Amino acid sequence: MKNLFNIFNPDNKIANFLTKIMYLAWLNFLWLICSLPIVTIGASTTAVYYTAMRMARDDEGYIARDFFHSFKENFLQATGVWLIVLAFFGMICFNWWTLSGSPNDLLRIASHLFLSLFVIFALISIYFFPLLSQFDMRIMELLRCSLFISLKNIHWSICLVILLFGGSALMVLKFYPLVIFGFPLIAFLQSYIFNRIFRQYLPDHEFTPGSVAVMNDTK
């Protein structure tokens, strides 16, 4: 009987796991609802990373409160960044699609340049919204820091991109867990890597629960 009651103890690993599962389902609902206008996807994605990274550090508060706190705080910057990302990826994909279908051999070869640009930009932009969720920075500083961190941690950057695109592919194929937990599950798995990377750029090398930090110099 004692062991049965221990299952419901908040410090119990099983209880902690089940709680996070419930939180991810709730977070997925919030992300979907707040992403419906399309233009708000950047703000809702930043809010997911803010909440998921707190969950990965075991310092989450109320999920909805954390989510909407970040959504409100980062709305303008995250929306601007999302529009930049959307425009850049759209341009790359359009040019790749146009050139790859050309009867001209040189143009088809040139299409590989845009495919390479897609990969490079994916490795950099994977940091945009997680950085916005954790650090106070302007857009140009965000671009510089994302480039620096991506190159310095290229092995982790590749893992993060694989998690994002691999998870998204499974979502499209209606892989059951990702149908229920959606993008927040991917963000939660990525959060363990992001927390590991970002900790070295914090002034005291530790996250303060619920705070947004100023990044140490990345030069």
N, C-alpha and C. Protein backbone atom coordinates (compact mmCIF):
# COMPACT_ATOMS: atom_id res chain seq x y z
N MET A 1 0.83 -1.21 0.00
CA MET A 1 0.00 0.00 0.00
C MET A 1 0.87 1.26 0.00
N LYS A 2 1.97 1.20 0.77
CA LYS A 2 2.87 2.34 0.83
C LYS A 2 3.46 2.64 -0.54
N ASN A 3 3.83 1.58 -1.28
CA ASN A 3 4.40 1.76 -2.61
C ASN A 3 3.37 2.36 -3.57
N LEU A 4 2.08 1.99 -3.36
CA LEU A 4 1.03 2.53 -4.21
C LEU A 4 0.90 4.03 -4.03
N PHE A 5 0.93 4.49 -2.77
CA PHE A 5 0.82 5.93 -2.51
C PHE A 5 2.04 6.69 -3.00
N ASN A 6 3.19 6.01 -3.01
CA ASN A 6 4.42 6.67 -3.49
C ASN A 6 4.34 7.05 -4.96
N ILE A 7 3.50 6.34 -5.71
CA ILE A 7 3.35 6.63 -7.14
C ILE A 7 2.82 8.04 -7.35
N PHE A 8 1.98 8.50 -6.40
CA PHE A 8 1.36 9.81 -6.52
C PHE A 8 2.18 10.91 -5.85
N ASN A 9 3.34 10.54 -5.33
CA ASN A 9 4.24 11.54 -4.75
C ASN A 9 4.85 12.37 -5.88
N PRO A 10 4.81 13.71 -5.78
CA PRO A 10 5.35 14.57 -6.85
C PRO A 10 6.81 14.32 -7.15
N ASP A 11 7.56 13.78 -6.15
CA ASP A 11 8.98 13.51 -6.35
C ASP A 11 9.22 12.17 -7.02
N ASN A 12 8.16 11.39 -7.18
CA ASN A 12 8.29 10.09 -7.82
C ASN A 12 8.53 10.25 -9.31
N LYS A 13 9.46 9.48 -9.89
CA LYS A 13 9.82 9.63 -11.30
C LYS A 13 8.65 9.32 -12.22
N ILE A 14 7.85 8.33 -11.85
CA ILE A 14 6.69 7.98 -12.68
C ILE A 14 5.68 9.11 -12.67
N ALA A 15 5.43 9.67 -11.47
CA ALA A 15 4.49 10.79 -11.36
C ALA A 15 5.00 12.00 -12.13
N ASN A 16 6.31 12.25 -12.06
CA ASN A 16 6.91 13.38 -12.78
C ASN A 16 6.77 13.20 -14.29
N PHE A 17 6.99 11.96 -14.75
CA PHE A 17 6.85 11.66 -16.17
C PHE A 17 5.41 11.86 -16.65
N LEU A 18 4.46 11.33 -15.89
CA LEU A 18 3.05 11.45 -16.27
C LEU A 18 2.60 12.91 -16.25
N THR A 19 3.13 13.68 -15.29
CA THR A 19 2.79 15.10 -15.22
C THR A 19 3.28 15.84 -16.45
N LYS A 20 4.52 15.54 -16.87
CA LYS A 20 5.08 16.21 -18.05
C LYS A 20 4.31 15.81 -19.32
N ILE A 21 3.87 14.57 -19.39
CA ILE A 21 3.07 14.12 -20.52
C ILE A 21 1.78 14.94 -20.60
N MET A 22 1.14 15.13 -19.45
CA MET A 22 -0.09 15.93 -19.40
C MET A 22 0.19 17.37 -19.79
N TYR A 23 1.31 17.92 -19.29
CA TYR A 23 1.69 19.29 -19.61
C TYR A 23 1.92 19.47 -21.11
N LEU A 24 2.56 18.49 -21.75
CA LEU A 24 2.86 18.59 -23.18
C LEU A 24 1.58 18.57 -24.02
N ALA A 25 0.61 17.77 -23.62
CA ALA A 25 -0.67 17.74 -24.33
C ALA A 25 -1.38 19.10 -24.20
N TRP A 26 -1.34 19.68 -23.02
CA TRP A 26 -1.94 21.00 -22.77
C TRP A 26 -1.18 22.08 -23.55
N LEU A 27 0.14 21.97 -23.56
CA LEU A 27 0.97 22.93 -24.28
C LEU A 27 0.71 22.86 -25.79
N ASN A 28 0.48 21.66 -26.30
CA ASN A 28 0.18 21.49 -27.72
C ASN A 28 -1.14 22.18 -28.08
N PHE A 29 -2.12 22.08 -27.20
CA PHE A 29 -3.40 22.75 -27.43
C PHE A 29 -3.21 24.26 -27.48
N LEU A 30 -2.44 24.80 -26.53
CA LEU A 30 -2.19 26.25 -26.49
C LEU A 30 -1.45 26.70 -27.75
N TRP A 31 -0.46 25.91 -28.17
CA TRP A 31 0.33 26.27 -29.36
C TRP A 31 -0.54 26.28 -30.61
N LEU A 32 -1.39 25.26 -30.75
CA LEU A 32 -2.26 25.18 -31.93
C LEU A 32 -3.24 26.35 -31.98
N ILE A 33 -3.86 26.65 -30.85
CA ILE A 33 -4.84 27.74 -30.80
C ILE A 33 -4.19 29.08 -31.11
N CYS A 34 -3.02 29.32 -30.53
CA CYS A 34 -2.35 30.61 -30.70
C CYS A 34 -1.62 30.72 -32.04
N SER A 35 -1.49 29.61 -32.77
CA SER A 35 -0.83 29.64 -34.08
C SER A 35 -1.81 29.76 -35.23
N LEU A 36 -3.10 29.65 -34.94
CA LEU A 36 -4.11 29.65 -35.99
C LEU A 36 -4.08 30.88 -36.89
N PRO A 37 -3.81 32.08 -36.35
CA PRO A 37 -3.73 33.24 -37.26
C PRO A 37 -2.51 33.20 -38.20
N ILE A 38 -1.67 32.19 -38.10
CA ILE A 38 -0.46 32.00 -38.91
C ILE A 38 0.62 33.03 -38.58
N VAL A 39 0.28 34.31 -38.60
CA VAL A 39 1.27 35.35 -38.34
C VAL A 39 1.78 35.28 -36.90
N THR A 40 1.04 34.64 -36.01
CA THR A 40 1.43 34.55 -34.60
C THR A 40 2.24 33.29 -34.29
N ILE A 41 2.57 32.51 -35.30
CA ILE A 41 3.31 31.26 -35.07
C ILE A 41 4.65 31.53 -34.37
N GLY A 42 5.31 32.63 -34.74
CA GLY A 42 6.60 32.95 -34.11
C GLY A 42 6.46 33.17 -32.62
N ALA A 43 5.45 33.93 -32.20
CA ALA A 43 5.23 34.20 -30.78
C ALA A 43 4.83 32.94 -30.03
N SER A 44 3.97 32.12 -30.63
CA SER A 44 3.53 30.90 -29.94
C SER A 44 4.66 29.87 -29.87
N THR A 45 5.51 29.83 -30.89
CA THR A 45 6.65 28.91 -30.87
C THR A 45 7.67 29.34 -29.82
N THR A 46 7.91 30.65 -29.71
CA THR A 46 8.80 31.16 -28.67
C THR A 46 8.25 30.81 -27.29
N ALA A 47 6.94 30.94 -27.11
CA ALA A 47 6.30 30.62 -25.83
C ALA A 47 6.43 29.13 -25.51
N VAL A 48 6.34 28.28 -26.53
CA VAL A 48 6.50 26.84 -26.33
C VAL A 48 7.92 26.54 -25.85
N TYR A 49 8.92 27.15 -26.50
CA TYR A 49 10.30 26.91 -26.08
C TYR A 49 10.56 27.43 -24.67
N TYR A 50 9.99 28.58 -24.34
CA TYR A 50 10.15 29.12 -22.98
C TYR A 50 9.62 28.13 -21.95
N THR A 51 8.44 27.59 -22.21
CA THR A 51 7.80 26.67 -21.27
C THR A 51 8.49 25.31 -21.27
N ALA A 52 8.81 24.80 -22.46
CA ALA A 52 9.44 23.48 -22.57
C ALA A 52 10.82 23.45 -21.94
N MET A 53 11.59 24.54 -22.09
CA MET A 53 12.92 24.59 -21.50
C MET A 53 12.85 24.66 -19.98
N ARG A 54 11.81 25.31 -19.45
CA ARG A 54 11.60 25.30 -18.00
C ARG A 54 11.22 23.89 -17.54
N MET A 55 10.39 23.21 -18.33
CA MET A 55 10.02 21.83 -17.99
C MET A 55 11.23 20.91 -17.97
N ALA A 56 12.13 21.08 -18.95
CA ALA A 56 13.33 20.25 -19.03
C ALA A 56 14.26 20.49 -17.84
N ARG A 57 14.17 21.72 -17.24
CA ARG A 57 14.98 22.04 -16.06
C ARG A 57 14.24 21.74 -14.76
N ASP A 58 13.00 21.22 -14.88
CA ASP A 58 12.15 20.92 -13.73
C ASP A 58 11.86 22.14 -12.87
N ASP A 59 11.70 23.32 -13.51
CA ASP A 59 11.33 24.51 -12.74
C ASP A 59 10.08 25.18 -13.32
N GLU A 60 9.24 24.36 -14.01
CA GLU A 60 8.03 24.93 -14.60
C GLU A 60 7.04 25.35 -13.52
N GLY A 61 6.27 26.37 -13.85
CA GLY A 61 5.18 26.81 -12.97
C GLY A 61 3.86 26.33 -13.56
N TYR A 62 2.88 27.23 -13.65
CA TYR A 62 1.63 26.90 -14.32
C TYR A 62 1.88 27.03 -15.82
N ILE A 63 1.56 25.97 -16.57
CA ILE A 63 1.89 25.92 -17.99
C ILE A 63 1.28 27.07 -18.77
N ALA A 64 -0.01 27.31 -18.60
CA ALA A 64 -0.67 28.38 -19.33
C ALA A 64 -0.09 29.74 -18.97
N ARG A 65 0.20 29.95 -17.69
CA ARG A 65 0.77 31.22 -17.25
C ARG A 65 2.15 31.44 -17.86
N ASP A 66 2.98 30.41 -17.85
CA ASP A 66 4.32 30.51 -18.46
C ASP A 66 4.20 30.80 -19.95
N PHE A 67 3.30 30.07 -20.60
CA PHE A 67 3.13 30.20 -22.05
C PHE A 67 2.72 31.63 -22.42
N PHE A 68 1.68 32.13 -21.79
CA PHE A 68 1.17 33.45 -22.16
C PHE A 68 2.08 34.59 -21.69
N HIS A 69 2.86 34.34 -20.64
CA HIS A 69 3.86 35.32 -20.22
C HIS A 69 4.86 35.54 -21.34
N SER A 70 5.39 34.45 -21.89
CA SER A 70 6.37 34.56 -22.96
C SER A 70 5.72 35.06 -24.25
N PHE A 71 4.52 34.59 -24.53
CA PHE A 71 3.80 35.01 -25.74
C PHE A 71 3.66 36.53 -25.77
N LYS A 72 3.26 37.09 -24.64
CA LYS A 72 3.06 38.54 -24.54
C LYS A 72 4.39 39.30 -24.59
N GLU A 73 5.39 38.82 -23.84
CA GLU A 73 6.66 39.52 -23.75
C GLU A 73 7.42 39.55 -25.08
N ASN A 74 7.29 38.49 -25.87
CA ASN A 74 8.09 38.37 -27.08
C ASN A 74 7.29 38.54 -28.37
N PHE A 75 6.03 38.98 -28.25
CA PHE A 75 5.14 38.98 -29.40
C PHE A 75 5.70 39.76 -30.59
N LEU A 76 6.11 40.99 -30.39
CA LEU A 76 6.54 41.83 -31.50
C LEU A 76 7.82 41.30 -32.16
N GLN A 77 8.84 41.00 -31.33
CA GLN A 77 10.10 40.51 -31.88
C GLN A 77 9.93 39.15 -32.54
N ALA A 78 9.21 38.25 -31.87
CA ALA A 78 9.03 36.90 -32.41
C ALA A 78 8.24 36.93 -33.72
N THR A 79 7.26 37.83 -33.81
CA THR A 79 6.48 37.95 -35.04
C THR A 79 7.36 38.47 -36.18
N GLY A 80 8.20 39.47 -35.89
CA GLY A 80 9.13 39.99 -36.90
C GLY A 80 10.09 38.92 -37.38
N VAL A 81 10.64 38.15 -36.44
CA VAL A 81 11.58 37.09 -36.79
C VAL A 81 10.88 36.00 -37.62
N TRP A 82 9.65 35.65 -37.22
CA TRP A 82 8.89 34.64 -37.96
C TRP A 82 8.66 35.06 -39.41
N LEU A 83 8.33 36.33 -39.63
CA LEU A 83 8.09 36.82 -40.99
C LEU A 83 9.38 36.78 -41.81
N ILE A 84 10.52 37.08 -41.16
CA ILE A 84 11.82 36.99 -41.84
C ILE A 84 12.11 35.54 -42.24
N VAL A 85 11.91 34.63 -41.29
CA VAL A 85 12.15 33.20 -41.54
C VAL A 85 11.24 32.70 -42.66
N LEU A 86 9.97 33.06 -42.60
CA LEU A 86 9.01 32.63 -43.60
C LEU A 86 9.39 33.13 -44.98
N ALA A 87 9.77 34.42 -45.07
CA ALA A 87 10.14 35.01 -46.35
C ALA A 87 11.42 34.37 -46.91
N PHE A 88 12.41 34.15 -46.03
CA PHE A 88 13.68 33.60 -46.49
C PHE A 88 13.53 32.16 -46.96
N PHE A 89 12.85 31.33 -46.16
CA PHE A 89 12.64 29.94 -46.56
C PHE A 89 11.76 29.86 -47.81
N GLY A 90 10.77 30.76 -47.91
CA GLY A 90 9.92 30.80 -49.09
C GLY A 90 10.70 31.12 -50.34
N MET A 91 11.61 32.10 -50.24
CA MET A 91 12.44 32.49 -51.37
C MET A 91 13.35 31.33 -51.80
N ILE A 92 13.96 30.68 -50.81
CA ILE A 92 14.87 29.56 -51.10
C ILE A 92 14.12 28.42 -51.79
N CYS A 93 12.98 28.04 -51.23
CA CYS A 93 12.21 26.92 -51.78
C CYS A 93 11.68 27.23 -53.18
N PHE A 94 11.22 28.48 -53.38
CA PHE A 94 10.70 28.87 -54.69
C PHE A 94 11.79 28.79 -55.75
N ASN A 95 12.97 29.33 -55.45
CA ASN A 95 14.07 29.31 -56.42
C ASN A 95 14.57 27.90 -56.67
N TRP A 96 14.64 27.09 -55.62
CA TRP A 96 15.08 25.69 -55.80
C TRP A 96 14.09 24.94 -56.69
N TRP A 97 12.80 25.11 -56.42
CA TRP A 97 11.77 24.41 -57.19
C TRP A 97 11.80 24.87 -58.66
N THR A 98 11.96 26.16 -58.89
CA THR A 98 11.98 26.71 -60.26
C THR A 98 13.19 26.22 -61.04
N LEU A 99 14.37 26.30 -60.40
CA LEU A 99 15.60 25.94 -61.10
C LEU A 99 15.75 24.43 -61.28
N SER A 100 15.32 23.65 -60.30
CA SER A 100 15.48 22.19 -60.40
C SER A 100 14.63 21.60 -61.52
N GLY A 101 13.56 22.31 -61.89
CA GLY A 101 12.70 21.81 -62.98
C GLY A 101 13.05 22.39 -64.33
N SER A 102 14.13 23.15 -64.39
CA SER A 102 14.53 23.79 -65.65
C SER A 102 15.19 22.78 -66.59
N PRO A 103 14.96 22.92 -67.91
CA PRO A 103 15.63 22.04 -68.88
C PRO A 103 17.12 22.38 -69.05
N ASN A 104 17.53 23.54 -68.54
CA ASN A 104 18.93 23.97 -68.65
C ASN A 104 19.77 23.30 -67.56
N ASP A 105 20.83 22.60 -67.99
CA ASP A 105 21.68 21.86 -67.04
C ASP A 105 22.33 22.78 -66.02
N LEU A 106 22.78 23.95 -66.45
CA LEU A 106 23.44 24.88 -65.54
C LEU A 106 22.48 25.38 -64.46
N LEU A 107 21.23 25.64 -64.86
CA LEU A 107 20.23 26.09 -63.89
C LEU A 107 19.89 24.99 -62.89
N ARG A 108 19.86 23.75 -63.37
CA ARG A 108 19.59 22.63 -62.45
C ARG A 108 20.73 22.47 -61.45
N ILE A 109 21.97 22.69 -61.91
CA ILE A 109 23.12 22.64 -61.00
C ILE A 109 23.04 23.78 -60.00
N ALA A 110 22.62 24.97 -60.48
CA ALA A 110 22.49 26.13 -59.60
C ALA A 110 21.44 25.91 -58.51
N SER A 111 20.48 25.02 -58.78
CA SER A 111 19.43 24.75 -57.79
C SER A 111 20.01 24.15 -56.51
N HIS A 112 21.15 23.45 -56.66
CA HIS A 112 21.79 22.85 -55.48
C HIS A 112 22.33 23.93 -54.53
N LEU A 113 22.63 25.11 -55.08
CA LEU A 113 23.07 26.22 -54.24
C LEU A 113 21.97 26.60 -53.27
N PHE A 114 20.74 26.67 -53.76
CA PHE A 114 19.62 27.03 -52.89
C PHE A 114 19.31 25.91 -51.89
N LEU A 115 19.56 24.67 -52.30
CA LEU A 115 19.38 23.57 -51.35
C LEU A 115 20.40 23.68 -50.22
N SER A 116 21.63 24.07 -50.57
CA SER A 116 22.67 24.27 -49.56
C SER A 116 22.31 25.44 -48.64
N LEU A 117 21.76 26.52 -49.23
CA LEU A 117 21.32 27.67 -48.43
C LEU A 117 20.21 27.27 -47.45
N PHE A 118 19.34 26.38 -47.89
CA PHE A 118 18.27 25.89 -47.02
C PHE A 118 18.84 25.21 -45.78
N VAL A 119 19.82 24.34 -45.99
CA VAL A 119 20.45 23.61 -44.88
C VAL A 119 21.17 24.57 -43.94
N ILE A 120 21.93 25.50 -44.51
CA ILE A 120 22.69 26.46 -43.70
C ILE A 120 21.75 27.33 -42.87
N PHE A 121 20.70 27.83 -43.51
CA PHE A 121 19.76 28.70 -42.79
C PHE A 121 19.00 27.92 -41.72
N ALA A 122 18.72 26.65 -42.00
CA ALA A 122 18.05 25.81 -41.00
C ALA A 122 18.93 25.63 -39.76
N LEU A 123 20.23 25.45 -39.97
CA LEU A 123 21.16 25.27 -38.85
C LEU A 123 21.29 26.53 -38.00
N ILE A 124 21.08 27.68 -38.62
CA ILE A 124 21.16 28.96 -37.89
C ILE A 124 19.82 29.31 -37.25
N SER A 125 18.75 29.22 -38.06
CA SER A 125 17.43 29.66 -37.58
C SER A 125 16.85 28.75 -36.50
N ILE A 126 17.40 27.55 -36.34
CA ILE A 126 16.91 26.64 -35.30
C ILE A 126 17.07 27.26 -33.91
N TYR A 127 17.96 28.27 -33.80
CA TYR A 127 18.22 28.92 -32.51
C TYR A 127 17.39 30.18 -32.28
N PHE A 128 16.74 30.70 -33.33
CA PHE A 128 16.06 31.99 -33.21
C PHE A 128 15.06 32.05 -32.06
N PHE A 129 14.07 31.18 -32.09
CA PHE A 129 12.98 31.26 -31.11
C PHE A 129 13.40 30.79 -29.71
N PRO A 130 14.24 29.75 -29.60
CA PRO A 130 14.74 29.40 -28.26
C PRO A 130 15.55 30.53 -27.62
N LEU A 131 16.39 31.20 -28.42
CA LEU A 131 17.16 32.33 -27.88
C LEU A 131 16.25 33.46 -27.44
N LEU A 132 15.24 33.78 -28.26
CA LEU A 132 14.29 34.83 -27.88
C LEU A 132 13.57 34.51 -26.59
N SER A 133 13.31 33.23 -26.38
CA SER A 133 12.56 32.82 -25.18
C SER A 133 13.37 32.93 -23.90
N GLN A 134 14.71 32.94 -24.03
CA GLN A 134 15.56 32.90 -22.85
C GLN A 134 16.39 34.16 -22.63
N PHE A 135 16.64 34.92 -23.70
CA PHE A 135 17.54 36.06 -23.60
C PHE A 135 16.89 37.33 -24.15
N ASP A 136 17.30 38.44 -23.58
CA ASP A 136 16.82 39.74 -24.02
C ASP A 136 17.78 40.28 -25.08
N MET A 137 17.36 40.28 -26.35
CA MET A 137 18.25 40.74 -27.42
C MET A 137 17.45 41.27 -28.61
N ARG A 138 18.10 42.17 -29.36
CA ARG A 138 17.49 42.73 -30.56
C ARG A 138 17.69 41.76 -31.74
N ILE A 139 16.98 42.03 -32.84
CA ILE A 139 16.98 41.10 -33.96
C ILE A 139 18.38 40.91 -34.56
N MET A 140 19.14 41.99 -34.75
CA MET A 140 20.48 41.85 -35.32
C MET A 140 21.40 41.07 -34.39
N GLU A 141 21.25 41.30 -33.10
CA GLU A 141 22.04 40.54 -32.13
C GLU A 141 21.62 39.08 -32.14
N LEU A 142 20.33 38.83 -32.32
CA LEU A 142 19.82 37.46 -32.41
C LEU A 142 20.44 36.73 -33.60
N LEU A 143 20.52 37.39 -34.74
CA LEU A 143 21.12 36.78 -35.93
C LEU A 143 22.59 36.47 -35.70
N ARG A 144 23.31 37.42 -35.10
CA ARG A 144 24.75 37.22 -34.85
C ARG A 144 24.99 36.08 -33.88
N CYS A 145 24.22 36.05 -32.79
CA CYS A 145 24.39 35.01 -31.77
C CYS A 145 24.01 33.64 -32.31
N SER A 146 22.95 33.59 -33.12
CA SER A 146 22.51 32.31 -33.69
C SER A 146 23.59 31.74 -34.61
N LEU A 147 24.21 32.61 -35.41
CA LEU A 147 25.28 32.16 -36.30
C LEU A 147 26.47 31.66 -35.49
N PHE A 148 26.87 32.42 -34.48
CA PHE A 148 28.02 32.05 -33.65
C PHE A 148 27.78 30.71 -32.94
N ILE A 149 26.61 30.59 -32.28
CA ILE A 149 26.31 29.38 -31.51
C ILE A 149 26.16 28.17 -32.41
N SER A 150 25.55 28.37 -33.58
CA SER A 150 25.37 27.26 -34.51
C SER A 150 26.71 26.70 -34.98
N LEU A 151 27.65 27.58 -35.33
CA LEU A 151 28.95 27.13 -35.79
C LEU A 151 29.77 26.51 -34.67
N LYS A 152 29.71 27.11 -33.48
CA LYS A 152 30.49 26.60 -32.36
C LYS A 152 29.97 25.25 -31.88
N ASN A 153 28.67 25.03 -32.05
CA ASN A 153 28.05 23.78 -31.58
C ASN A 153 27.42 23.04 -32.75
N ILE A 154 28.20 22.90 -33.84
CA ILE A 154 27.65 22.37 -35.08
C ILE A 154 27.08 20.96 -34.91
N HIS A 155 27.69 20.14 -34.06
CA HIS A 155 27.19 18.77 -33.87
C HIS A 155 25.81 18.79 -33.22
N TRP A 156 25.64 19.69 -32.22
CA TRP A 156 24.33 19.82 -31.59
C TRP A 156 23.34 20.47 -32.54
N SER A 157 23.80 21.39 -33.36
CA SER A 157 22.92 22.07 -34.32
C SER A 157 22.32 21.05 -35.30
N ILE A 158 23.16 20.12 -35.76
CA ILE A 158 22.68 19.07 -36.67
C ILE A 158 21.64 18.20 -35.98
N CYS A 159 21.90 17.85 -34.71
CA CYS A 159 20.94 17.04 -33.95
C CYS A 159 19.61 17.76 -33.80
N LEU A 160 19.66 19.06 -33.54
CA LEU A 160 18.44 19.86 -33.36
C LEU A 160 17.62 19.92 -34.65
N VAL A 161 18.30 20.09 -35.78
CA VAL A 161 17.61 20.14 -37.07
C VAL A 161 16.99 18.77 -37.40
N ILE A 162 17.71 17.70 -37.10
CA ILE A 162 17.18 16.35 -37.34
C ILE A 162 15.94 16.11 -36.49
N LEU A 163 16.00 16.53 -35.22
CA LEU A 163 14.84 16.38 -34.35
C LEU A 163 13.63 17.14 -34.89
N LEU A 164 13.87 18.37 -35.37
CA LEU A 164 12.77 19.20 -35.86
C LEU A 164 12.16 18.63 -37.13
N PHE A 165 12.99 18.36 -38.13
CA PHE A 165 12.46 17.91 -39.41
C PHE A 165 12.03 16.44 -39.37
N GLY A 166 12.76 15.63 -38.59
CA GLY A 166 12.35 14.24 -38.43
C GLY A 166 11.03 14.13 -37.69
N GLY A 167 10.90 14.92 -36.61
CA GLY A 167 9.65 14.93 -35.85
C GLY A 167 8.50 15.47 -36.68
N SER A 168 8.76 16.50 -37.48
CA SER A 168 7.71 17.08 -38.33
C SER A 168 7.25 16.08 -39.38
N ALA A 169 8.20 15.29 -39.93
CA ALA A 169 7.85 14.26 -40.91
C ALA A 169 6.96 13.19 -40.28
N LEU A 170 7.31 12.78 -39.05
CA LEU A 170 6.49 11.80 -38.34
C LEU A 170 5.10 12.35 -38.04
N MET A 171 5.04 13.66 -37.77
CA MET A 171 3.76 14.30 -37.51
C MET A 171 2.87 14.24 -38.75
N VAL A 172 3.48 14.51 -39.90
CA VAL A 172 2.73 14.47 -41.17
C VAL A 172 2.25 13.04 -41.44
N LEU A 173 3.07 12.06 -41.07
CA LEU A 173 2.71 10.65 -41.27
C LEU A 173 1.76 10.13 -40.18
N LYS A 174 1.32 11.05 -39.31
CA LYS A 174 0.35 10.75 -38.25
C LYS A 174 0.87 9.72 -37.24
N PHE A 175 2.16 9.88 -36.87
CA PHE A 175 2.73 9.09 -35.79
C PHE A 175 1.99 9.46 -34.51
N TYR A 176 1.38 8.48 -33.86
CA TYR A 176 0.40 8.72 -32.80
C TYR A 176 0.85 9.69 -31.71
N PRO A 177 2.04 9.50 -31.08
CA PRO A 177 2.44 10.43 -30.01
C PRO A 177 2.54 11.87 -30.49
N LEU A 178 3.00 12.08 -31.73
CA LEU A 178 3.15 13.44 -32.23
C LEU A 178 1.82 14.05 -32.67
N VAL A 179 0.82 13.21 -32.90
CA VAL A 179 -0.51 13.74 -33.18
C VAL A 179 -1.08 14.36 -31.91
N ILE A 180 -0.81 13.72 -30.76
CA ILE A 180 -1.34 14.21 -29.47
C ILE A 180 -0.50 15.36 -28.93
N PHE A 181 0.83 15.20 -28.96
CA PHE A 181 1.72 16.17 -28.31
C PHE A 181 2.33 17.17 -29.28
N GLY A 182 2.30 16.86 -30.57
CA GLY A 182 2.68 17.80 -31.60
C GLY A 182 4.06 18.42 -31.44
N PHE A 183 4.18 19.65 -31.90
CA PHE A 183 5.46 20.35 -31.86
C PHE A 183 6.04 20.49 -30.44
N PRO A 184 5.23 20.72 -29.40
CA PRO A 184 5.81 20.84 -28.06
C PRO A 184 6.64 19.63 -27.62
N LEU A 185 6.30 18.43 -28.10
CA LEU A 185 7.12 17.26 -27.78
C LEU A 185 8.50 17.39 -28.41
N ILE A 186 8.55 17.84 -29.66
CA ILE A 186 9.84 18.06 -30.33
C ILE A 186 10.63 19.12 -29.58
N ALA A 187 9.95 20.23 -29.23
CA ALA A 187 10.61 21.32 -28.52
C ALA A 187 11.13 20.87 -27.15
N PHE A 188 10.37 20.00 -26.48
CA PHE A 188 10.78 19.50 -25.17
C PHE A 188 12.05 18.65 -25.29
N LEU A 189 12.11 17.79 -26.29
CA LEU A 189 13.31 16.97 -26.50
C LEU A 189 14.50 17.85 -26.87
N GLN A 190 14.27 18.86 -27.70
CA GLN A 190 15.34 19.79 -28.05
C GLN A 190 15.80 20.61 -26.85
N SER A 191 14.91 20.83 -25.91
CA SER A 191 15.20 21.72 -24.78
C SER A 191 16.38 21.24 -23.94
N TYR A 192 16.57 19.93 -23.85
CA TYR A 192 17.71 19.41 -23.09
C TYR A 192 19.03 19.85 -23.75
N ILE A 193 19.03 19.91 -25.08
CA ILE A 193 20.22 20.37 -25.80
C ILE A 193 20.37 21.88 -25.67
N PHE A 194 19.26 22.62 -25.85
CA PHE A 194 19.32 24.08 -25.74
C PHE A 194 19.78 24.51 -24.34
N ASN A 195 19.26 23.89 -23.31
CA ASN A 195 19.67 24.23 -21.94
C ASN A 195 21.17 24.00 -21.75
N ARG A 196 21.65 22.91 -22.30
CA ARG A 196 23.08 22.59 -22.19
C ARG A 196 23.94 23.64 -22.90
N ILE A 197 23.51 24.06 -24.08
CA ILE A 197 24.27 25.04 -24.86
C ILE A 197 24.19 26.43 -24.24
N PHE A 198 22.98 26.86 -23.89
CA PHE A 198 22.77 28.24 -23.43
C PHE A 198 23.37 28.51 -22.06
N ARG A 199 23.52 27.48 -21.25
CA ARG A 199 24.01 27.69 -19.88
C ARG A 199 25.39 28.35 -19.88
N GLN A 200 26.20 28.05 -20.88
CA GLN A 200 27.56 28.61 -20.90
C GLN A 200 27.59 30.10 -21.23
N TYR A 201 26.45 30.64 -21.73
CA TYR A 201 26.40 32.05 -22.08
C TYR A 201 25.66 32.90 -21.05
N LEU A 202 25.29 32.29 -19.93
CA LEU A 202 24.64 33.02 -18.85
C LEU A 202 25.67 33.66 -17.94
N PRO A 203 25.38 34.82 -17.38
CA PRO A 203 26.34 35.51 -16.51
C PRO A 203 26.83 34.65 -15.36
N ASP A 204 25.92 33.88 -14.74
CA ASP A 204 26.33 33.04 -13.61
C ASP A 204 26.31 31.56 -13.97
N HIS A 205 26.19 31.26 -15.28
CA HIS A 205 26.19 29.90 -15.79
C HIS A 205 25.01 29.06 -15.29
N GLU A 206 23.98 29.71 -14.78
CA GLU A 206 22.78 29.00 -14.34
C GLU A 206 21.55 29.80 -14.72
N PHE A 207 20.46 29.09 -15.02
CA PHE A 207 19.21 29.74 -15.30
C PHE A 207 18.52 30.15 -14.01
N THR A 208 17.92 31.31 -14.02
CA THR A 208 17.07 31.73 -12.92
C THR A 208 15.63 31.43 -13.30
N PRO A 209 14.91 30.62 -12.50
CA PRO A 209 13.56 30.22 -12.87
C PRO A 209 12.68 31.40 -13.26
N GLY A 210 12.06 31.31 -14.46
CA GLY A 210 11.10 32.29 -14.90
C GLY A 210 11.68 33.58 -15.44
N SER A 211 13.00 33.70 -15.48
CA SER A 211 13.62 34.97 -15.89
C SER A 211 14.04 34.95 -17.36
N VAL A 212 14.31 36.13 -17.89
CA VAL A 212 14.92 36.27 -19.21
C VAL A 212 16.27 36.93 -18.99
N ALA A 213 17.33 36.28 -19.41
CA ALA A 213 18.68 36.74 -19.09
C ALA A 213 19.26 37.60 -20.20
N VAL A 214 20.35 38.28 -19.85
CA VAL A 214 21.15 39.00 -20.84
C VAL A 214 22.35 38.11 -21.14
N MET A 215 22.57 37.82 -22.42
CA MET A 215 23.60 36.86 -22.79
C MET A 215 25.00 37.44 -22.60
N ASN A 216 25.90 36.58 -22.12
CA ASN A 216 27.31 36.95 -22.07
C ASN A 216 27.83 37.18 -23.49
N ASP A 217 28.92 37.91 -23.61
CA ASP A 217 29.50 38.21 -24.92
C ASP A 217 29.88 36.92 -25.64
N THR A 218 29.47 36.81 -26.92
CA THR A 218 29.76 35.60 -27.69
C THR A 218 30.87 35.82 -28.69
N LYS A 219 31.64 36.87 -28.55
CA LYS A 219 32.74 37.12 -29.49
C LYS A 219 33.88 36.16 -29.21
